[in-house]
Amino acid sequence: MSWFSLQLPGPLQKYERVIRSVIKELGIDGWEEEYIEEGVGVVMRMEKEQAGTEPQVLHETTVYHILKDHFCQSLDSHS
């Protein structure tokens, strides 16, 4: 798998590991860059939706499960 730098701003960079972990766990081959971009989009949307609510920091486990569900649905649509 070739990895390129994710476009997550400072405080959200910690989710890079989560995005990569889900992609590796699901064995996504051939569309890594597409799924990395999708993962960044999902994390950014989650952060935007949560803005103004407490706590401000998304829990990594929540991000992991949401990303995994999102990627699985996306994989189903590719097959």
PDB file of N, CA and C in Angstrom:
ATOM      1  N   MET A   1       0.837  -1.179   0.000  1.00  0.00           N
ATOM      2  CA  MET A   1       0.000   0.000   0.000  1.00  0.00           C
ATOM      3  C   MET A   1       0.877   1.236   0.000  1.00  0.00           C
ATOM      4  N   SER A   2       0.592   2.130  -0.877  1.00  0.00           N
ATOM      5  CA  SER A   2       1.331   3.387  -0.877  1.00  0.00           C
ATOM      6  C   SER A   2       0.512   4.422  -0.113  1.00  0.00           C
ATOM      7  N   TRP A   3       1.164   5.094   0.809  1.00  0.00           N
ATOM      8  CA  TRP A   3       0.462   6.078   1.637  1.00  0.00           C
ATOM      9  C   TRP A   3       0.960   7.467   1.301  1.00  0.00           C
ATOM     10  N   PHE A   4       0.053   8.374   1.174  1.00  0.00           N
ATOM     11  CA  PHE A   4       0.423   9.770   1.002  1.00  0.00           C
ATOM     12  C   PHE A   4      -0.091  10.533   2.201  1.00  0.00           C
ATOM     13  N   SER A   5       0.391  11.743   2.355  1.00  0.00           N
ATOM     14  CA  SER A   5       0.010  12.559   3.502  1.00  0.00           C
ATOM     15  C   SER A   5      -1.475  12.910   3.456  1.00  0.00           C
ATOM     16  N   LEU A   6      -2.136  12.736   4.568  1.00  0.00           N
ATOM     17  CA  LEU A   6      -3.547  13.083   4.666  1.00  0.00           C
ATOM     18  C   LEU A   6      -3.688  14.587   4.861  1.00  0.00           C
ATOM     19  N   GLN A   7      -4.835  15.107   4.512  1.00  0.00           N
ATOM     20  CA  GLN A   7      -5.081  16.545   4.574  1.00  0.00           C
ATOM     21  C   GLN A   7      -5.891  16.933   5.810  1.00  0.00           C
ATOM     22  N   LEU A   8      -5.652  16.286   6.919  1.00  0.00           N
ATOM     23  CA  LEU A   8      -6.366  16.611   8.150  1.00  0.00           C
ATOM     24  C   LEU A   8      -5.640  17.741   8.877  1.00  0.00           C
ATOM     25  N   PRO A   9      -6.398  18.739   9.353  1.00  0.00           N
ATOM     26  CA  PRO A   9      -5.773  19.827  10.105  1.00  0.00           C
ATOM     27  C   PRO A   9      -5.264  19.331  11.457  1.00  0.00           C
ATOM     28  N   GLY A  10      -4.327  20.064  12.025  1.00  0.00           N
ATOM     29  CA  GLY A  10      -3.651  19.739  13.273  1.00  0.00           C
ATOM     30  C   GLY A  10      -4.335  18.808  14.248  1.00  0.00           C
ATOM     31  N   PRO A  11      -5.408  19.246  14.933  1.00  0.00           N
ATOM     32  CA  PRO A  11      -6.000  18.410  15.972  1.00  0.00           C
ATOM     33  C   PRO A  11      -6.639  17.133  15.439  1.00  0.00           C
ATOM     34  N   LEU A  12      -6.958  17.095  14.152  1.00  0.00           N
ATOM     35  CA  LEU A  12      -7.598  15.900  13.588  1.00  0.00           C
ATOM     36  C   LEU A  12      -6.589  14.910  13.018  1.00  0.00           C
ATOM     37  N   GLN A  13      -5.306  15.270  13.009  1.00  0.00           N
ATOM     38  CA  GLN A  13      -4.292  14.384  12.445  1.00  0.00           C
ATOM     39  C   GLN A  13      -4.207  13.056  13.181  1.00  0.00           C
ATOM     40  N   LYS A  14      -4.642  13.037  14.427  1.00  0.00           N
ATOM     41  CA  LYS A  14      -4.593  11.784  15.187  1.00  0.00           C
ATOM     42  C   LYS A  14      -5.489  10.714  14.570  1.00  0.00           C
ATOM     43  N   TYR A  15      -6.450  11.109  13.737  1.00  0.00           N
ATOM     44  CA  TYR A  15      -7.348  10.135  13.113  1.00  0.00           C
ATOM     45  C   TYR A  15      -6.747   9.501  11.867  1.00  0.00           C
ATOM     46  N   GLU A  16      -5.581   9.995  11.430  1.00  0.00           N
ATOM     47  CA  GLU A  16      -4.890   9.397  10.289  1.00  0.00           C
ATOM     48  C   GLU A  16      -4.631   7.914  10.561  1.00  0.00           C
ATOM     49  N   ARG A  17      -4.162   7.614  11.762  1.00  0.00           N
ATOM     50  CA  ARG A  17      -3.879   6.226  12.134  1.00  0.00           C
ATOM     51  C   ARG A  17      -5.144   5.379  12.070  1.00  0.00           C
ATOM     52  N   VAL A  18      -6.266   5.943  12.490  1.00  0.00           N
ATOM     53  CA  VAL A  18      -7.540   5.222  12.472  1.00  0.00           C
ATOM     54  C   VAL A  18      -7.958   4.936  11.030  1.00  0.00           C
ATOM     55  N   ILE A  19      -7.854   5.933  10.159  1.00  0.00           N
ATOM     56  CA  ILE A  19      -8.221   5.751   8.752  1.00  0.00           C
ATOM     57  C   ILE A  19      -7.370   4.647   8.135  1.00  0.00           C
ATOM     58  N   ARG A  20      -6.066   4.717   8.339  1.00  0.00           N
ATOM     59  CA  ARG A  20      -5.154   3.712   7.767  1.00  0.00           C
ATOM     60  C   ARG A  20      -5.421   2.324   8.343  1.00  0.00           C
ATOM     61  N   SER A  21      -5.726   2.268   9.626  1.00  0.00           N
ATOM     62  CA  SER A  21      -6.002   0.992  10.285  1.00  0.00           C
ATOM     63  C   SER A  21      -7.231   0.309   9.690  1.00  0.00           C
ATOM     64  N   VAL A  22      -8.298   1.065   9.480  1.00  0.00           N
ATOM     65  CA  VAL A  22      -9.526   0.494   8.912  1.00  0.00           C
ATOM     66  C   VAL A  22      -9.265   0.014   7.488  1.00  0.00           C
ATOM     67  N   ILE A  23      -8.558   0.806   6.697  1.00  0.00           N
ATOM     68  CA  ILE A  23      -8.247   0.415   5.316  1.00  0.00           C
ATOM     69  C   ILE A  23      -7.441  -0.881   5.303  1.00  0.00           C
ATOM     70  N   LYS A  24      -6.448  -0.974   6.176  1.00  0.00           N
ATOM     71  CA  LYS A  24      -5.619  -2.185   6.250  1.00  0.00           C
ATOM     72  C   LYS A  24      -6.448  -3.377   6.706  1.00  0.00           C
ATOM     73  N   GLU A  25      -7.268  -3.183   7.732  1.00  0.00           N
ATOM     74  CA  GLU A  25      -8.092  -4.272   8.264  1.00  0.00           C
ATOM     75  C   GLU A  25      -9.046  -4.823   7.208  1.00  0.00           C
ATOM     76  N   LEU A  26      -9.623  -3.940   6.396  1.00  0.00           N
ATOM     77  CA  LEU A  26     -10.570  -4.372   5.371  1.00  0.00           C
ATOM     78  C   LEU A  26      -9.870  -4.909   4.128  1.00  0.00           C
ATOM     79  N   GLY A  27      -8.540  -4.793   4.084  1.00  0.00           N
ATOM     80  CA  GLY A  27      -7.786  -5.312   2.954  1.00  0.00           C
ATOM     81  C   GLY A  27      -8.106  -4.607   1.648  1.00  0.00           C
ATOM     82  N   ILE A  28      -8.320  -3.311   1.729  1.00  0.00           N
ATOM     83  CA  ILE A  28      -8.668  -2.537   0.538  1.00  0.00           C
ATOM     84  C   ILE A  28      -7.424  -2.381  -0.325  1.00  0.00           C
ATOM     85  N   ASP A  29      -7.470  -2.969  -1.502  1.00  0.00           N
ATOM     86  CA  ASP A  29      -6.357  -2.879  -2.443  1.00  0.00           C
ATOM     87  C   ASP A  29      -6.845  -2.252  -3.730  1.00  0.00           C
ATOM     88  N   GLY A  30      -6.029  -1.405  -4.298  1.00  0.00           N
ATOM     89  CA  GLY A  30      -6.362  -0.803  -5.579  1.00  0.00           C
ATOM     90  C   GLY A  30      -7.065   0.538  -5.484  1.00  0.00           C
ATOM     91  N   TRP A  31      -7.715   0.804  -4.375  1.00  0.00           N
ATOM     92  CA  TRP A  31      -8.459   2.060  -4.208  1.00  0.00           C
ATOM     93  C   TRP A  31      -8.025   2.791  -2.944  1.00  0.00           C
ATOM     94  N   GLU A  32      -6.779   2.547  -2.497  1.00  0.00           N
ATOM     95  CA  GLU A  32      -6.335   3.125  -1.232  1.00  0.00           C
ATOM     96  C   GLU A  32      -6.514   4.638  -1.191  1.00  0.00           C
ATOM     97  N   GLU A  33      -6.063   5.316  -2.241  1.00  0.00           N
ATOM     98  CA  GLU A  33      -6.134   6.780  -2.240  1.00  0.00           C
ATOM     99  C   GLU A  33      -7.581   7.265  -2.167  1.00  0.00           C
ATOM    100  N   GLU A  34      -8.466   6.594  -2.895  1.00  0.00           N
ATOM    101  CA  GLU A  34      -9.888   6.959  -2.857  1.00  0.00           C
ATOM    102  C   GLU A  34     -10.444   6.809  -1.444  1.00  0.00           C
ATOM    103  N   TYR A  35     -10.095   5.713  -0.776  1.00  0.00           N
ATOM    104  CA  TYR A  35     -10.617   5.478   0.567  1.00  0.00           C
ATOM    105  C   TYR A  35      -9.974   6.400   1.594  1.00  0.00           C
ATOM    106  N   ILE A  36      -8.714   6.757   1.396  1.00  0.00           N
ATOM    107  CA  ILE A  36      -8.088   7.726   2.292  1.00  0.00           C
ATOM    108  C   ILE A  36      -8.815   9.061   2.167  1.00  0.00           C
ATOM    109  N   GLU A  37      -9.086   9.480   0.932  1.00  0.00           N
ATOM    110  CA  GLU A  37      -9.815  10.737   0.720  1.00  0.00           C
ATOM    111  C   GLU A  37     -11.212  10.665   1.330  1.00  0.00           C
ATOM    112  N   GLU A  38     -11.888   9.532   1.162  1.00  0.00           N
ATOM    113  CA  GLU A  38     -13.218   9.364   1.773  1.00  0.00           C
ATOM    114  C   GLU A  38     -13.120   9.447   3.288  1.00  0.00           C
ATOM    115  N   GLY A  39     -12.106   8.787   3.859  1.00  0.00           N
ATOM    116  CA  GLY A  39     -11.922   8.803   5.306  1.00  0.00           C
ATOM    117  C   GLY A  39     -11.705  10.203   5.837  1.00  0.00           C
ATOM    118  N   VAL A  40     -10.893  10.981   5.132  1.00  0.00           N
ATOM    119  CA  VAL A  40     -10.666  12.377   5.519  1.00  0.00           C
ATOM    120  C   VAL A  40     -11.989  13.138   5.484  1.00  0.00           C
ATOM    121  N   GLY A  41     -12.770  12.928   4.424  1.00  0.00           N
ATOM    122  CA  GLY A  41     -14.069  13.598   4.309  1.00  0.00           C
ATOM    123  C   GLY A  41     -15.008  13.230   5.439  1.00  0.00           C
ATOM    124  N   VAL A  42     -15.029  11.947   5.802  1.00  0.00           N
ATOM    125  CA  VAL A  42     -15.897  11.484   6.892  1.00  0.00           C
ATOM    126  C   VAL A  42     -15.483  12.145   8.208  1.00  0.00           C
ATOM    127  N   VAL A  43     -14.188  12.148   8.505  1.00  0.00           N
ATOM    128  CA  VAL A  43     -13.706  12.754   9.750  1.00  0.00           C
ATOM    129  C   VAL A  43     -14.023  14.251   9.777  1.00  0.00           C
ATOM    130  N   MET A  44     -13.815  14.934   8.659  1.00  0.00           N
ATOM    131  CA  MET A  44     -14.101  16.375   8.602  1.00  0.00           C
ATOM    132  C   MET A  44     -15.594  16.645   8.811  1.00  0.00           C
ATOM    133  N   ARG A  45     -16.460  15.825   8.203  1.00  0.00           N
ATOM    134  CA  ARG A  45     -17.916  15.994   8.400  1.00  0.00           C
ATOM    135  C   ARG A  45     -18.298  15.745   9.855  1.00  0.00           C
ATOM    136  N   MET A  46     -17.713  14.698  10.453  1.00  0.00           N
ATOM    137  CA  MET A  46     -18.021  14.392  11.849  1.00  0.00           C
ATOM    138  C   MET A  46     -17.615  15.557  12.746  1.00  0.00           C
ATOM    139  N   GLU A  47     -16.445  16.109  12.507  1.00  0.00           N
ATOM    140  CA  GLU A  47     -15.964  17.236  13.307  1.00  0.00           C
ATOM    141  C   GLU A  47     -16.876  18.449  13.128  1.00  0.00           C
ATOM    142  N   LYS A  48     -17.281  18.714  11.898  1.00  0.00           N
ATOM    143  CA  LYS A  48     -18.149  19.862  11.616  1.00  0.00           C
ATOM    144  C   LYS A  48     -19.514  19.683  12.279  1.00  0.00           C
ATOM    145  N   GLU A  49     -20.069  18.458  12.205  1.00  0.00           N
ATOM    146  CA  GLU A  49     -21.371  18.187  12.817  1.00  0.00           C
ATOM    147  C   GLU A  49     -21.313  18.313  14.326  1.00  0.00           C
ATOM    148  N   GLN A  50     -20.166  17.990  14.911  1.00  0.00           N
ATOM    149  CA  GLN A  50     -20.036  18.017  16.360  1.00  0.00           C
ATOM    150  C   GLN A  50     -19.647  19.396  16.884  1.00  0.00           C
ATOM    151  N   ALA A  51     -19.281  20.311  16.007  1.00  0.00           N
ATOM    152  CA  ALA A  51     -18.871  21.653  16.445  1.00  0.00           C
ATOM    153  C   ALA A  51     -19.965  22.272  17.314  1.00  0.00           C
ATOM    154  N   GLY A  52     -19.564  22.779  18.434  1.00  0.00           N
ATOM    155  CA  GLY A  52     -20.516  23.422  19.334  1.00  0.00           C
ATOM    156  C   GLY A  52     -21.124  22.482  20.356  1.00  0.00           C
ATOM    157  N   THR A  53     -20.818  21.190  20.250  1.00  0.00           N
ATOM    158  CA  THR A  53     -21.318  20.241  21.239  1.00  0.00           C
ATOM    159  C   THR A  53     -20.162  19.789  22.115  1.00  0.00           C
ATOM    160  N   GLU A  54     -20.474  19.214  23.231  1.00  0.00           N
ATOM    161  CA  GLU A  54     -19.443  18.708  24.137  1.00  0.00           C
ATOM    162  C   GLU A  54     -19.438  17.193  24.100  1.00  0.00           C
ATOM    163  N   PRO A  55     -18.341  16.513  24.169  1.00  0.00           N
ATOM    164  CA  PRO A  55     -17.001  17.083  24.099  1.00  0.00           C
ATOM    165  C   PRO A  55     -16.609  17.375  22.664  1.00  0.00           C
ATOM    166  N   GLN A  56     -15.673  18.275  22.475  1.00  0.00           N
ATOM    167  CA  GLN A  56     -15.243  18.688  21.138  1.00  0.00           C
ATOM    168  C   GLN A  56     -14.398  17.619  20.447  1.00  0.00           C
ATOM    169  N   VAL A  57     -13.728  16.790  21.206  1.00  0.00           N
ATOM    170  CA  VAL A  57     -12.849  15.781  20.623  1.00  0.00           C
ATOM    171  C   VAL A  57     -13.645  14.507  20.361  1.00  0.00           C
ATOM    172  N   LEU A  58     -13.583  14.045  19.130  1.00  0.00           N
ATOM    173  CA  LEU A  58     -14.252  12.800  18.770  1.00  0.00           C
ATOM    174  C   LEU A  58     -13.478  11.631  19.365  1.00  0.00           C
ATOM    175  N   HIS A  59     -14.182  10.648  19.866  1.00  0.00           N
ATOM    176  CA  HIS A  59     -13.533   9.480  20.432  1.00  0.00           C
ATOM    177  C   HIS A  59     -13.038   8.587  19.299  1.00  0.00           C
ATOM    178  N   GLU A  60     -11.785   8.136  19.382  1.00  0.00           N
ATOM    179  CA  GLU A  60     -11.190   7.334  18.306  1.00  0.00           C
ATOM    180  C   GLU A  60     -11.992   6.076  17.999  1.00  0.00           C
ATOM    181  N   THR A  61     -12.563   5.440  19.020  1.00  0.00           N
ATOM    182  CA  THR A  61     -13.346   4.228  18.792  1.00  0.00           C
ATOM    183  C   THR A  61     -14.591   4.540  17.970  1.00  0.00           C
ATOM    184  N   THR A  62     -15.235   5.657  18.256  1.00  0.00           N
ATOM    185  CA  THR A  62     -16.409   6.073  17.487  1.00  0.00           C
ATOM    186  C   THR A  62     -16.019   6.327  16.036  1.00  0.00           C
ATOM    187  N   VAL A  63     -14.924   7.047  15.829  1.00  0.00           N
ATOM    188  CA  VAL A  63     -14.441   7.332  14.476  1.00  0.00           C
ATOM    189  C   VAL A  63     -14.136   6.024  13.754  1.00  0.00           C
ATOM    190  N   TYR A  64     -13.481   5.097  14.439  1.00  0.00           N
ATOM    191  CA  TYR A  64     -13.136   3.804  13.848  1.00  0.00           C
ATOM    192  C   TYR A  64     -14.390   3.086  13.336  1.00  0.00           C
ATOM    193  N   HIS A  65     -15.405   2.972  14.171  1.00  0.00           N
ATOM    194  CA  HIS A  65     -16.615   2.238  13.784  1.00  0.00           C
ATOM    195  C   HIS A  65     -17.382   2.942  12.665  1.00  0.00           C
ATOM    196  N   ILE A  66     -17.453   4.250  12.720  1.00  0.00           N
ATOM    197  CA  ILE A  66     -18.145   4.991  11.659  1.00  0.00           C
ATOM    198  C   ILE A  66     -17.402   4.839  10.337  1.00  0.00           C
ATOM    199  N   LEU A  67     -16.068   4.951  10.365  1.00  0.00           N
ATOM    200  CA  LEU A  67     -15.280   4.768   9.144  1.00  0.00           C
ATOM    201  C   LEU A  67     -15.435   3.357   8.592  1.00  0.00           C
ATOM    202  N   LYS A  68     -15.382   2.366   9.474  1.00  0.00           N
ATOM    203  CA  LYS A  68     -15.500   0.976   9.023  1.00  0.00           C
ATOM    204  C   LYS A  68     -16.856   0.745   8.357  1.00  0.00           C
ATOM    205  N   ASP A  69     -17.925   1.218   8.973  1.00  0.00           N
ATOM    206  CA  ASP A  69     -19.262   1.084   8.378  1.00  0.00           C
ATOM    207  C   ASP A  69     -19.329   1.796   7.031  1.00  0.00           C
ATOM    208  N   HIS A  70     -18.788   3.003   6.973  1.00  0.00           N
ATOM    209  CA  HIS A  70     -18.807   3.787   5.733  1.00  0.00           C
ATOM    210  C   HIS A  70     -18.041   3.060   4.627  1.00  0.00           C
ATOM    211  N   PHE A  71     -16.845   2.566   4.949  1.00  0.00           N
ATOM    212  CA  PHE A  71     -16.031   1.873   3.951  1.00  0.00           C
ATOM    213  C   PHE A  71     -16.694   0.574   3.503  1.00  0.00           C
ATOM    214  N   CYS A  72     -17.308  -0.159   4.421  1.00  0.00           N
ATOM    215  CA  CYS A  72     -17.990  -1.409   4.045  1.00  0.00           C
ATOM    216  C   CYS A  72     -19.144  -1.126   3.086  1.00  0.00           C
ATOM    217  N   GLN A  73     -19.906  -0.085   3.350  1.00  0.00           N
ATOM    218  CA  GLN A  73     -20.998   0.292   2.441  1.00  0.00           C
ATOM    219  C   GLN A  73     -20.439   0.692   1.082  1.00  0.00           C
ATOM    220  N   SER A  74     -19.344   1.413   1.090  1.00  0.00           N
ATOM    221  CA  SER A  74     -18.723   1.846  -0.157  1.00  0.00           C
ATOM    222  C   SER A  74     -18.177   0.647  -0.933  1.00  0.00           C
ATOM    223  N   LEU A  75     -17.587  -0.315  -0.229  1.00  0.00           N
ATOM    224  CA  LEU A  75     -17.082  -1.529  -0.887  1.00  0.00           C
ATOM    225  C   LEU A  75     -18.220  -2.303  -1.528  1.00  0.00           C
ATOM    226  N   ASP A  76     -19.361  -2.380  -0.838  1.00  0.00           N
ATOM    227  CA  ASP A  76     -20.531  -3.074  -1.394  1.00  0.00           C
ATOM    228  C   ASP A  76     -20.985  -2.414  -2.687  1.00  0.00           C
ATOM    229  N   SER A  77     -20.904  -1.099  -2.745  1.00  0.00           N
ATOM    230  CA  SER A  77     -21.346  -0.400  -3.953  1.00  0.00           C
ATOM    231  C   SER A  77     -20.350  -0.561  -5.103  1.00  0.00           C
ATOM    232  N   HIS A  78     -19.092  -0.898  -4.798  1.00  0.00           N
ATOM    233  CA  HIS A  78     -18.085  -1.131  -5.836  1.00  0.00           C
ATOM    234  C   HIS A  78     -18.166  -2.541  -6.409  1.00  0.00           C
ATOM    235  N   SER A  79     -18.827  -3.463  -5.687  1.00  0.00           N
ATOM    236  CA  SER A  79     -18.859  -4.848  -6.179  1.00  0.00           C
ATOM    237  C   SER A  79     -20.028  -5.124  -7.076  1.00  0.00           C
TER     238      SER A  79
END
